[in-house]
Protein backbone atom coordinates (compact mmCIF):
# COMPACT_ATOMS: atom_id res chain seq x y z
CA MET A 1 -48.75 24.11 -3.97
CA PRO A 2 -47.90 20.42 -3.22
CA ARG A 3 -47.36 19.64 0.31
CA ILE A 4 -44.09 17.80 1.16
CA ALA A 5 -43.56 16.35 4.62
CA LEU A 6 -39.80 15.54 5.69
CA VAL A 7 -39.84 12.99 8.36
CA VAL A 8 -36.60 12.99 10.52
CA ASN A 9 -35.74 10.34 13.18
CA GLY A 10 -34.26 12.95 15.42
CA GLY A 11 -34.57 16.46 16.90
CA PRO A 12 -34.06 19.82 15.22
CA ASP A 13 -30.25 19.69 15.79
CA SER A 14 -29.70 16.20 14.35
CA PRO A 15 -27.75 15.69 11.16
CA MET A 16 -30.74 14.47 9.19
CA ALA A 17 -32.76 17.48 10.27
CA GLN A 18 -29.93 19.73 8.82
CA ARG A 19 -30.16 17.70 5.65
CA ALA A 20 -33.91 18.03 5.50
CA TRP A 21 -33.80 21.78 6.22
CA GLU A 22 -30.99 22.48 3.75
CA LEU A 23 -32.79 20.66 0.88
CA ALA A 24 -36.27 22.07 1.81
CA ARG A 25 -35.22 25.87 1.80
CA ARG A 26 -34.00 25.45 -1.78
CA TRP A 27 -37.13 23.82 -3.08
CA HIS A 28 -39.33 26.30 -4.85
CA GLY A 29 -42.98 25.90 -5.61
CA LEU A 30 -43.41 23.21 -2.70
CA GLU A 31 -44.85 23.71 0.74
CA CYS A 32 -42.46 21.72 2.96
CA ARG A 33 -42.86 20.80 6.75
CA ILE A 34 -40.18 18.94 8.81
CA VAL A 35 -41.56 16.45 11.14
CA HIS A 36 -39.16 15.29 13.93
CA ARG A 37 -39.18 12.33 16.21
CA THR A 38 -39.91 12.95 19.81
CA GLY A 39 -40.48 10.72 22.98
CA GLY A 40 -40.33 7.07 23.08
CA ARG A 41 -41.02 4.61 20.32
CA MET A 42 -44.78 3.99 20.40
CA TRP A 43 -45.40 7.70 21.38
CA SER A 44 -43.13 8.93 18.60
CA VAL A 45 -44.89 6.95 15.92
CA ALA A 46 -48.32 8.08 17.14
CA ALA A 47 -47.11 11.65 17.35
CA MET A 48 -45.52 11.72 13.87
CA LEU A 49 -48.54 10.17 12.32
CA GLY A 50 -50.80 12.77 14.02
CA ARG A 51 -48.57 15.66 12.56
CA LEU A 52 -48.62 13.89 9.14
CA LEU A 53 -52.47 13.50 9.10
CA ALA A 54 -52.88 17.12 10.11
CA PHE A 55 -50.61 18.30 7.35
CA HIS A 56 -52.02 15.86 4.82
CA PRO A 57 -48.89 15.79 2.42
CA GLN A 58 -48.86 14.65 -1.18
CA LEU A 59 -45.42 13.20 -0.57
CA CYS A 60 -43.32 12.12 2.45
CA CYS A 61 -39.65 12.05 2.48
CA VAL A 62 -38.53 9.76 5.27
CA PHE A 63 -34.92 10.24 6.20
CA ASP A 64 -33.15 6.95 7.32
CA CYS A 65 -34.65 3.57 7.38
CA VAL A 66 -35.57 3.64 11.06
CA ALA A 67 -38.55 1.90 12.65
CA ASP A 68 -40.38 4.95 14.07
CA SER A 69 -40.25 6.98 10.90
CA VAL A 70 -40.85 4.12 8.51
CA LEU A 71 -43.92 2.85 10.43
CA ALA A 72 -45.40 6.36 10.79
CA VAL A 73 -45.03 7.05 7.09
CA ALA A 74 -46.32 3.52 6.11
CA LEU A 75 -49.54 4.30 8.12
CA ALA A 76 -49.79 7.75 6.69
CA ARG A 77 -49.55 6.26 3.12
CA VAL A 78 -52.37 3.87 3.87
CA LEU A 79 -54.68 6.60 5.28
CA THR A 80 -53.85 9.42 2.67
CA SER A 81 -52.31 7.70 -0.31
CA CYS A 82 -49.31 10.03 -0.25
CA ARG A 83 -46.29 9.25 -2.31
CA VAL A 84 -43.18 8.09 -0.40
CA ILE A 85 -39.42 8.70 -0.91
CA LEU A 86 -37.11 6.71 1.40
CA ASP A 87 -33.73 8.53 1.86
CA THR A 88 -31.12 6.12 3.44
CA GLY A 89 -27.47 6.18 3.97
CA ASP A 90 -26.88 2.63 5.18
CA ALA A 91 -27.35 -0.87 4.18
CA ILE A 92 -29.14 -1.45 7.46
CA VAL A 93 -28.97 -5.21 7.51
CA GLU A 94 -25.16 -5.21 6.91
CA LEU A 95 -24.80 -2.45 9.37
CA GLY A 96 -26.67 -4.37 11.96
CA ARG A 97 -24.47 -7.46 11.39
CA ALA A 98 -21.44 -5.39 11.79
CA LEU A 99 -22.78 -4.16 15.16
CA GLY A 100 -23.16 -7.72 16.40
CA ARG A 101 -27.01 -7.90 16.35
CA GLY A 102 -28.40 -11.38 17.02
CA PRO A 103 -30.62 -13.45 14.64
CA ILE A 104 -33.85 -12.02 16.01
CA LEU A 105 -32.77 -8.39 15.76
CA LEU A 106 -31.39 -8.98 12.29
CA GLY A 107 -34.61 -10.60 11.18
CA LEU A 108 -36.50 -7.41 12.46
CA THR A 109 -33.99 -5.25 10.71
CA ARG A 110 -34.45 -7.05 7.45
CA ALA A 111 -38.30 -6.89 7.83
CA LEU A 112 -37.89 -3.10 8.40
CA GLU A 113 -35.80 -2.71 5.20
CA VAL A 114 -38.45 -4.73 3.13
CA ILE A 115 -41.23 -2.58 4.39
CA GLY A 116 -39.21 0.68 3.74
CA PHE A 117 -38.49 -0.34 0.20
CA ARG A 118 -42.15 -1.69 -0.22
CA ILE A 119 -43.81 1.64 0.65
CA ALA A 120 -41.29 3.79 -1.27
CA ASP A 121 -42.06 5.05 -4.75
CA ARG A 122 -38.47 5.93 -5.17
CA VAL A 123 -35.33 5.30 -3.04
CA VAL A 124 -32.66 7.93 -2.52
CA VAL A 125 -29.24 6.65 -1.27
CA ARG A 126 -26.13 8.64 -0.19
CA GLY A 127 -23.48 6.33 -1.55
CA GLU A 128 -22.84 5.50 -5.26
CA HIS A 129 -21.94 1.91 -4.48
CA HIS A 130 -25.29 1.57 -2.58
CA ARG A 131 -27.09 2.63 -5.65
CA ASN A 132 -25.44 0.16 -7.82
CA LEU A 133 -26.19 -2.71 -5.24
CA LEU A 134 -29.82 -1.90 -5.22
CA ARG A 135 -30.06 -1.63 -8.98
CA ASN A 136 -28.63 -5.05 -9.27
CA GLN A 137 -31.49 -6.09 -6.96
CA GLY A 138 -33.97 -4.64 -9.35
CA LEU A 139 -34.76 -1.66 -7.12
CA ARG A 140 -34.71 1.99 -8.67
CA ALA A 141 -32.40 4.04 -6.51
CA GLU A 142 -31.00 7.73 -7.04
CA TRP A 143 -27.68 8.67 -5.63
CA ILE A 144 -27.86 11.93 -3.88
CA PRO A 145 -24.98 12.08 -1.33
CA ASP A 146 -24.69 13.70 2.02
CA GLY A 147 -24.42 17.48 1.58
CA VAL A 148 -22.91 20.62 3.02
CA CYS A 149 -23.54 24.30 2.76
CA PRO A 150 -19.82 25.43 2.14
CA GLU A 151 -20.49 28.95 3.22
CA ASP A 152 -21.16 27.71 6.77
CA PHE A 153 -17.73 26.27 6.93
CA GLN A 154 -15.66 28.61 4.97
CA PRO A 155 -12.08 28.52 6.38
CA ALA A 156 -10.31 31.70 7.21
CA ALA A 157 -8.58 33.28 4.19
CA SER A 158 -4.95 32.21 4.81
CA THR A 159 -2.39 30.04 3.16
CA SER A 160 -2.21 26.32 4.18
CA LYS A 161 0.34 25.92 6.91
CA LYS A 162 3.09 23.24 6.63
CA ALA A 163 2.90 20.11 8.73
CA ILE A 164 4.86 21.54 11.66
CA PRO A 165 4.52 19.46 14.92
CA PRO A 166 2.54 19.19 16.99
CA VAL A 167 -0.23 18.41 14.44
CA THR A 168 -3.82 17.94 15.53
CA LEU A 169 -5.65 14.78 14.38
CA GLY A 170 -9.41 15.13 14.63
CA VAL A 171 -12.49 12.87 14.35
CA VAL A 172 -16.13 13.78 14.26
CA GLY A 173 -18.78 11.15 14.77
CA SER A 174 -21.08 8.94 16.88
CA CYS A 175 -19.32 6.76 19.34
CA THR A 176 -21.48 3.52 19.13
CA TRP A 177 -20.23 0.30 20.66
CA SER A 178 -19.98 -2.63 18.32
CA PRO A 179 -20.33 -5.85 20.58
CA ARG A 180 -19.09 -8.06 17.61
CA TRP A 181 -15.74 -6.17 17.14
CA LYS A 182 -15.45 -4.84 20.68
CA LEU A 183 -14.57 -1.40 19.12
CA CYS A 184 -16.19 1.95 18.53
CA TYR A 185 -15.76 4.85 16.19
CA GLY A 186 -12.56 6.79 17.22
CA TRP A 187 -10.45 3.75 18.30
CA GLU A 188 -8.07 4.54 15.47
CA LEU A 189 -7.49 8.00 16.56
CA VAL A 190 -6.27 7.06 20.18
CA GLU A 191 -4.27 4.02 18.89
CA THR A 192 -2.55 6.11 16.27
CA LEU A 193 -1.65 8.73 18.89
CA SER A 194 -0.05 5.92 20.98
CA LEU A 195 2.26 5.22 18.09
CA LEU A 196 3.37 8.78 17.56
CA PRO A 197 5.78 10.75 19.76
CA PRO A 198 4.05 13.05 22.23
CA ASP A 199 5.62 16.21 20.62
CA LEU A 200 4.50 15.14 17.10
CA ALA A 201 0.70 14.89 17.44
CA ASN A 202 -2.34 15.30 19.66
CA GLY A 203 -5.98 14.69 18.94
CA VAL A 204 -9.59 15.78 19.43
CA PHE A 205 -12.83 13.71 19.20
CA ILE A 206 -16.09 15.59 18.58
CA GLY A 207 -19.15 13.42 19.24
CA ASP A 208 -20.89 11.44 21.89
CA GLY A 209 -22.33 7.87 22.15
CA ASP A 210 -22.68 4.96 24.38
CA ALA A 211 -19.11 3.89 23.89
CA LEU A 212 -17.43 7.29 24.80
CA PRO A 213 -16.50 5.98 28.33
CA TRP A 214 -14.77 3.05 26.82
CA LEU A 215 -12.88 5.23 24.40
CA LYS A 216 -11.76 7.48 27.26
CA ARG A 217 -10.56 4.43 29.15
CA GLU A 218 -8.72 3.20 26.10
CA ALA A 219 -6.83 6.58 25.84
CA GLU A 220 -5.79 6.24 29.51
CA ARG A 221 -4.58 2.52 28.89
CA LEU A 222 -2.58 3.64 25.92
CA GLY A 223 -1.10 6.62 27.87
CA VAL A 224 -2.57 9.26 25.48
CA ALA A 225 -5.31 10.65 27.73
CA ASP A 226 -3.61 13.94 28.19
CA ARG A 227 -3.07 14.36 24.46
CA VAL A 228 -6.87 13.80 23.41
CA GLN A 229 -9.59 16.34 23.94
CA PHE A 230 -13.08 14.81 24.11
CA LEU A 231 -15.44 17.67 23.33
CA GLY A 232 -18.83 15.72 23.32
CA ARG A 233 -21.54 16.69 21.00
CA VAL A 234 -21.17 19.98 19.33
CA SER A 235 -23.93 21.91 17.54
CA TYR A 236 -23.85 22.32 13.76
CA HIS A 237 -23.32 26.01 14.10
CA ASP A 238 -20.40 25.56 16.39
CA LEU A 239 -18.83 22.78 14.48
CA SER A 240 -16.92 25.07 11.98
CA ARG A 241 -15.02 26.71 14.90
CA HIS A 242 -13.75 23.33 16.21
CA LEU A 243 -12.90 22.04 12.69
CA ALA A 244 -10.82 24.97 12.19
CA GLU A 245 -8.48 23.61 15.08
CA ILE A 246 -7.79 20.37 13.27
CA ASP A 247 -4.94 19.92 11.00
CA ILE A 248 -5.77 16.34 9.82
CA ALA A 249 -9.33 15.07 9.84
CA LEU A 250 -9.63 11.27 10.00
CA SER A 251 -12.50 9.57 7.98
CA THR A 252 -12.57 5.87 8.53
CA GLN A 253 -14.84 3.47 6.75
CA THR A 254 -14.61 -0.36 7.08
CA ASN A 255 -13.87 -2.08 3.78
CA ASP A 256 -16.85 -4.26 3.88
CA ARG A 257 -20.60 -3.96 2.64
CA ALA A 258 -21.55 -1.75 5.54
CA GLY A 259 -18.67 0.75 4.77
CA GLN A 260 -18.62 0.51 1.02
CA VAL A 261 -22.18 1.88 0.60
CA ARG A 262 -21.60 5.01 2.62
CA THR A 263 -20.46 8.60 1.71
CA THR A 264 -20.48 9.48 5.48
CA GLY A 265 -21.76 12.95 6.42
CA LYS A 266 -18.42 13.79 7.95
CA LEU A 267 -16.44 13.90 4.65
CA PRO A 268 -18.35 16.87 3.18
CA LEU A 269 -17.98 18.81 6.43
CA TYR A 270 -14.21 18.19 6.55
CA LEU A 271 -13.76 19.26 2.92
CA ALA A 272 -15.91 22.37 3.23
CA ALA A 273 -13.79 23.49 6.15
CA GLY A 274 -10.69 23.09 4.07
CA ARG A 275 -9.22 20.30 6.28
CA PHE A 276 -6.53 18.04 4.98
CA VAL A 277 -8.20 14.43 5.24
CA LEU A 278 -6.73 11.08 5.82
CA ALA A 279 -9.44 8.61 4.64
CA THR A 280 -9.70 4.97 4.09
CA ARG A 281 -9.71 3.93 0.42
CA VAL A 282 -13.28 2.90 0.61
CA GLY A 283 -16.54 4.08 -1.03
CA THR A 284 -16.89 7.81 -2.18
CA ALA A 285 -13.63 8.94 -0.34
CA GLY A 286 -11.75 6.47 -2.43
CA ARG A 287 -13.19 7.81 -5.58
CA ILE A 288 -12.79 11.51 -5.06
CA LEU A 289 -9.92 12.24 -2.77
CA PRO A 290 -6.25 12.61 -4.06
CA GLU A 291 -3.82 9.78 -3.45
CA GLU A 292 -1.92 11.56 -0.72
CA MET A 293 -5.08 11.55 1.47
CA LEU A 294 -6.03 7.91 1.07
CA VAL A 295 -4.88 5.03 3.38
CA ASP A 296 -5.48 1.36 2.87
CA TYR A 297 -7.92 -0.51 5.06
CA HIS A 298 -8.47 -4.20 5.11
CA GLY A 299 -11.80 -5.92 6.04
CA SER A 300 -14.06 -5.04 8.87
CA VAL A 301 -11.57 -4.46 11.45
CA ASP A 302 -7.92 -3.80 10.41
CA ARG A 303 -5.82 -3.80 13.48
CA ASP A 304 -2.79 -2.66 11.44
CA TYR A 305 -4.64 0.54 10.25
CA PRO A 306 -3.40 2.74 13.05
CA ARG A 307 0.26 1.94 12.17
CA ARG A 308 -0.41 2.92 8.44
CA LEU A 309 -2.07 6.25 9.78
CA ALA A 310 0.94 6.90 12.03
CA GLU A 311 3.49 6.28 9.26
CA ARG A 312 1.50 8.55 6.86
CA VAL A 313 1.50 11.39 9.55
CA VAL A 314 5.18 11.13 10.08
CA ARG A 315 5.69 11.23 6.39
CA LEU A 316 3.51 14.24 6.05
CA VAL A 317 5.52 16.05 8.76
CA LYS A 318 8.83 14.97 7.33
CA GLU A 319 8.04 16.25 3.84
CA GLY A 320 6.52 19.48 5.11
CA VAL A 321 3.16 18.85 3.16
CA ALA A 322 0.68 21.86 3.28
CA LEU A 323 -2.15 20.88 5.72
CA SER A 324 -5.19 22.77 6.57
CA PRO A 325 -6.82 25.05 5.30
CA ARG A 326 -6.71 23.50 1.81
CA SER A 327 -8.49 25.45 -1.04
CA ASP A 328 -8.50 22.25 -3.13
CA CYS A 329 -10.67 20.45 -0.43
CA VAL A 330 -13.14 23.27 -0.31
CA GLU A 331 -13.47 23.04 -4.21
CA LEU A 332 -14.11 19.17 -3.75
CA ALA A 333 -16.88 20.00 -1.40
CA ARG A 334 -18.42 22.45 -3.77
CA ARG A 335 -18.18 20.10 -6.71
CA HIS A 336 -19.60 16.95 -5.13
CA PHE A 337 -21.65 17.94 -1.97
CA ASP A 338 -22.97 21.46 -2.25
CA TYR A 339 -26.63 21.65 -1.43
CA ASP A 340 -27.11 24.05 -4.21
CA LEU A 341 -26.31 21.40 -6.63
CA LEU A 342 -28.09 18.48 -4.76
CA ALA A 343 -31.39 20.23 -4.00
CA PRO A 344 -32.41 20.62 -7.63
CA ARG A 345 -31.75 16.99 -8.27
CA TYR A 346 -33.89 16.03 -5.37
CA ALA A 347 -36.70 18.56 -6.43
CA ASP A 348 -36.74 16.87 -9.84
CA LEU A 349 -37.25 13.52 -8.16
CA ILE A 350 -40.09 14.80 -6.08
CA TRP A 351 -41.81 16.34 -9.05
CA THR A 352 -41.45 13.00 -11.01
CA CYS A 353 -43.08 11.16 -8.04
CA LEU A 354 -45.83 13.68 -7.89
CA ARG A 355 -46.84 13.37 -11.46
CA ARG A 356 -46.49 9.54 -11.41
CA ARG A 357 -49.59 7.58 -11.18
CA ARG A 358 -49.58 4.63 -8.68
């Protein structure tokens, strides 16, 4: 039975560990082992390499183009001649540029991307636009988006409630500071709330990150601190309970290269939970969501976006649109992001790589 190592840059409760586990448990005829990142950088590379050599896999799937994982797998490939699949959700150079990294860090990021693509027999990307970009560069890439197990987020069997205030706007994500734009994920939530009457909407932010203190201060500055719950990091198994309290889930991607290539792992979760989504008309969301759930976003930072979000929320309430739970959203999750559909596609790719001679 072929041995497959799934190398994850994070602990067992990280989003990529969840993706690896959901895929592996659906692969039949393959012996799978998940290798997590632990400790500091040099230690993590050595530790992951040691576990890979002990397992001696025929193929490594490395999740995300991150230095520790890529270096460990590159060394394992040299020492064991294993095949490699690189599974990436970001154009990391464009993402680094968006985060404001300087020339040296951008150069190192570009070198990491080159190494990742060089060692990979095949590349898996999670955004359709990303696949097309790489194919235009002569790289073979397969599109297998972020997934979800819909049964884990099945909303309670009830009819969708009308948009009766106060409605709850919600965001799930990592709150990482961008020195270039002086913003972080979630800024649109607090600014949108500041444009809405207190009795019309409140908010919830689920996640953590280095910019969370700034986001809380921004909520205080805008006078909405008492209308936003900051829940911090929530485990995957508890997430469905918190999503059930959200009426409108916000999914914001910038309208630039960094945002266009992404599916974003939050969108499948929102849909599986039956949440009404307001998303930017960018990437996968712009292709699969109905018009009533899409909001225009311009460029890398659209300062007018919160106003458009606020206007849409007011319109939804005024028209009495049915909000969460939405059975049509659950159906979208099943059609596009169900791991029961994604895992066989991934398994076919693995078997193709195993049969292919170097």
